Protein backbone atom coordinates (compact mmCIF):
# COMPACT_ATOMS: atom_id res chain seq x y z
CA SER A 1 328.18 -14.11 264.16
CA PRO A 2 327.91 -11.06 262.16
CA SER A 3 325.77 -10.49 258.68
CA LEU A 4 328.21 -10.05 256.08
CA SER A 5 327.19 -8.25 252.67
CA ASN A 6 327.92 -9.51 249.61
CA ILE A 7 331.23 -8.45 247.98
CA ASN A 8 331.30 -6.95 244.09
CA ALA A 9 334.26 -6.76 242.01
CA GLN A 10 335.80 -6.70 238.72
CA CYS A 11 338.72 -8.02 238.18
CA SER A 12 340.05 -9.23 241.66
CA VAL A 13 339.14 -7.98 245.72
CA THR A 14 340.36 -8.59 248.97
CA PRO A 15 337.41 -8.41 251.04
CA PRO A 16 338.64 -6.22 254.25
CA THR A 17 338.95 -8.36 258.28
CA PRO A 18 335.26 -8.78 259.57
CA THR A 19 334.27 -8.37 263.31
CA THR A 20 332.66 -9.10 265.38
CA THR A 21 331.50 -8.82 268.88
CA ASP A 22 332.09 -11.39 272.21
CA ALA A 23 330.33 -11.30 275.78
CA CYS A 24 333.44 -11.55 277.22
CA VAL A 25 336.56 -10.85 274.64
CA GLY A 26 334.81 -7.88 273.20
CA THR A 27 335.95 -6.62 269.24
CA ILE A 28 337.32 -10.88 267.61
CA ASN A 29 338.46 -10.05 264.31
CA GLY A 30 337.79 -12.90 261.24
CA THR A 31 340.45 -15.28 259.94
CA THR A 32 339.63 -17.40 256.85
CA VAL A 33 341.44 -19.90 255.26
CA THR A 34 341.16 -18.53 251.87
CA SER A 35 343.87 -16.88 249.88
CA PHE A 36 343.66 -13.20 248.55
CA PRO A 37 343.61 -11.71 246.09
CA ILE A 38 340.57 -13.53 244.99
CA THR A 39 340.55 -13.09 241.22
CA THR A 40 338.72 -16.44 239.91
CA GLN A 41 335.78 -14.90 238.16
CA GLY A 42 332.63 -16.26 239.66
CA THR A 43 331.44 -16.82 243.56
CA THR A 44 333.55 -17.37 245.32
CA VAL A 45 332.39 -18.33 249.12
CA VAL A 46 334.84 -17.80 251.95
CA THR A 47 333.97 -18.52 255.77
CA TRP A 48 334.85 -16.90 258.18
CA VAL A 49 336.20 -17.54 262.04
CA PHE A 50 335.23 -15.49 264.83
CA ASN A 51 337.30 -17.85 267.69
CA ASP A 52 336.98 -16.33 271.02
CA GLY A 53 340.56 -17.91 272.45
CA ASN A 54 338.15 -19.26 274.84
CA GLY A 55 337.33 -22.64 273.24
CA ASN A 56 334.13 -21.19 271.93
CA THR A 57 334.42 -20.24 267.74
CA SER A 58 331.09 -18.94 265.36
CA THR A 59 331.50 -18.82 261.58
CA ALA A 60 329.84 -16.28 259.04
CA LEU A 61 330.38 -17.05 255.03
CA GLN A 62 330.89 -14.10 252.87
CA ASN A 63 330.29 -14.26 249.34
CA VAL A 64 333.18 -12.31 246.67
CA ILE A 65 331.61 -12.12 243.13
CA ILE A 66 334.72 -11.66 240.55
CA ASP A 67 331.98 -10.53 237.28
CA ASP A 68 334.85 -8.57 234.60
CA THR A 69 332.50 -7.04 232.79
CA THR A 70 334.41 -4.59 230.71
CA PRO A 71 335.99 -5.12 227.23
CA PRO A 72 339.70 -4.47 226.60
CA THR A 73 340.27 -1.39 225.07
CA SER A 74 340.66 -1.31 221.46
CA PRO A 75 343.80 0.09 220.23
CA SER A 76 343.95 2.31 217.03
CA LEU A 77 345.87 1.05 214.04
CA SER A 78 348.16 2.40 211.45
CA ASN A 79 347.27 1.31 208.25
CA ILE A 80 349.86 -0.69 206.63
CA ASN A 81 351.73 -0.12 203.27
CA ALA A 82 353.48 -2.16 200.76
CA GLN A 83 354.08 -2.78 197.07
CA CYS A 84 353.82 -6.53 196.40
CA SER A 85 352.14 -8.23 199.89
CA ALA A 86 351.78 -7.70 203.57
CA THR A 87 351.99 -9.83 206.58
CA PRO A 88 351.55 -6.95 209.53
CA PRO A 89 352.33 -7.31 213.07
CA THR A 90 349.66 -9.26 215.99
CA PRO A 91 347.92 -5.85 217.82
CA THR A 92 348.14 -5.78 221.17
CA THR A 93 345.66 -4.12 224.03
CA THR A 94 345.80 -3.79 226.88
CA ASP A 95 342.69 -5.02 229.90
CA ALA A 96 342.06 -4.09 233.15
CA CYS A 97 341.81 -7.82 234.55
CA VAL A 98 343.62 -9.26 232.44
CA GLY A 99 346.43 -7.32 231.02
CA THR A 100 348.17 -7.54 227.60
CA ILE A 101 346.02 -9.04 224.83
CA ASN A 102 346.92 -10.59 221.41
CA GLY A 103 344.47 -9.54 219.08
CA THR A 104 343.34 -12.72 216.71
CA THR A 105 341.61 -12.72 213.17
CA VAL A 106 340.17 -14.77 209.99
CA THR A 107 342.15 -12.76 207.71
CA SER A 108 344.53 -14.81 205.62
CA PHE A 109 348.37 -13.66 205.03
CA PRO A 110 349.72 -12.31 203.38
CA ILE A 111 347.79 -10.25 202.11
CA THR A 112 349.09 -10.14 198.06
CA THR A 113 346.12 -8.74 196.90
CA GLN A 114 346.56 -5.30 194.77
CA GLY A 115 343.82 -2.32 196.59
CA THR A 116 342.78 -2.19 200.97
CA THR A 117 342.27 -5.33 202.63
CA VAL A 118 339.61 -4.23 205.89
CA VAL A 119 341.18 -6.99 208.58
CA THR A 120 338.98 -7.03 211.51
CA TRP A 121 341.16 -7.15 214.85
CA VAL A 122 339.32 -9.21 217.90
CA PHE A 123 340.44 -8.95 221.02
CA ASN A 124 339.23 -11.20 223.86
CA ASP A 125 339.76 -11.24 227.55
CA GLY A 126 338.22 -15.05 228.37
CA ASN A 127 335.97 -13.24 230.36
CA GLY A 128 333.43 -13.03 228.37
CA ASN A 129 334.10 -9.38 226.88
CA SER A 130 335.80 -8.46 223.25
CA SER A 131 336.42 -5.35 221.17
CA THR A 132 337.71 -5.17 217.68
CA ALA A 133 339.50 -2.88 216.23
CA LEU A 134 340.17 -2.58 211.50
CA GLN A 135 343.05 -2.00 210.35
CA ASN A 136 343.77 -1.26 205.73
CA VAL A 137 346.07 -3.27 204.78
CA ILE A 138 346.83 -1.36 201.26
CA ILE A 139 349.17 -3.26 198.71
CA ASP A 140 349.85 -1.18 195.30
CA ASP A 141 351.79 -2.10 193.48
CA THR A 142 353.75 1.24 191.85
CA THR A 143 357.43 -0.46 190.23
CA PRO A 144 357.11 -1.20 186.69
CA PRO A 145 358.89 -4.64 185.79
CA SER A 146 362.76 -4.44 185.24
CA SER A 147 363.23 -3.34 181.12
CA PRO A 148 365.43 -6.03 179.33
CA ALA A 149 368.25 -5.13 177.41
CA LEU A 150 367.40 -6.85 173.72
CA SER A 151 369.46 -8.83 171.26
CA ASN A 152 369.46 -7.27 167.18
CA ILE A 153 367.84 -10.34 165.54
CA ASN A 154 369.80 -10.52 162.55
CA ALA A 155 368.48 -12.37 159.30
CA GLN A 156 368.51 -12.87 155.58
CA CYS A 157 364.96 -12.83 154.31
CA SER A 158 362.64 -13.23 157.42
CA ALA A 159 363.06 -13.45 161.43
CA THR A 160 360.80 -14.43 164.16
CA PRO A 161 361.51 -13.41 167.65
CA PRO A 162 361.43 -15.86 170.93
CA THR A 163 359.54 -13.64 172.98
CA PRO A 164 361.47 -12.11 175.72
CA THR A 165 360.61 -12.11 179.57
CA ALA A 166 361.64 -9.30 182.13
CA THR A 167 361.57 -9.87 185.57
CA ASP A 168 359.08 -7.99 188.38
CA ALA A 169 359.00 -7.49 192.02
CA CYS A 170 355.84 -8.30 192.68
CA VAL A 171 354.84 -11.20 189.32
CA GLY A 172 358.27 -12.71 188.97
CA THR A 173 358.78 -13.38 185.05
CA ILE A 174 356.46 -11.60 182.61
CA ASN A 175 356.38 -11.96 179.23
CA GLY A 176 356.31 -9.51 176.52
CA THR A 177 354.02 -8.62 174.02
CA THR A 178 354.26 -6.97 170.88
CA VAL A 179 351.79 -5.35 168.02
CA THR A 180 354.19 -6.17 165.29
CA THR A 181 353.33 -8.78 163.49
CA PHE A 182 355.56 -11.96 162.42
CA PRO A 183 357.72 -13.06 160.44
CA ILE A 184 358.47 -9.82 159.59
CA THR A 185 359.66 -9.81 155.89
CA THR A 186 360.47 -6.27 154.95
CA GLN A 187 364.08 -5.84 154.36
CA GLY A 188 365.93 -3.75 156.48
CA THR A 189 365.51 -2.93 159.97
CA THR A 190 362.22 -3.12 161.90
CA VAL A 191 361.64 -1.63 165.83
CA VAL A 192 359.74 -3.84 167.38
CA THR A 193 358.42 -2.68 171.00
CA TRP A 194 357.63 -5.10 173.41
CA ILE A 195 355.72 -4.49 176.66
CA PHE A 196 355.74 -5.83 179.46
CA ASN A 197 353.00 -5.19 182.11
CA ASP A 198 352.75 -6.55 185.19
CA GLY A 199 348.88 -6.74 185.76
């Protein structure tokens, strides 16, 4: 029986067929029932059998050690820009052993907070290795609320107009505010300036 060295690999391996010598036959190739390639993480013990064809066999054990120590690649992620809210698409990366890996994050979506939210994406290969990538999600509301058309208010003695509303793409309904004091009692036309602020 030959003495067989350990074989080490990151992802998978097919060991070369070992040989031994026999006094009568000469060189004999080993055979095994183990399926190749071996991809299971950890140590697989391969039993090689050497048969001389004359009813005599010997065996040799060989350790095949698969140990993935390489993390997935860390992708470069583009900024996401939106007016009101955003749910970024799940990014992916590649790993030498696993292939494509989806990112995961503890950030809740959609993101609606104005300003920049930094999302940390984690890429885990399931073999104890992970990498991270940061992505900026920028919410910047630059669109003002709609400016409603307001009807004139006519009264004999005094008037307090109802508070008008406008709609905003991000906030929804917005009540108008004004510095005008109500009720208006001055005879003639008073122009009331209503302001609609989306915050």
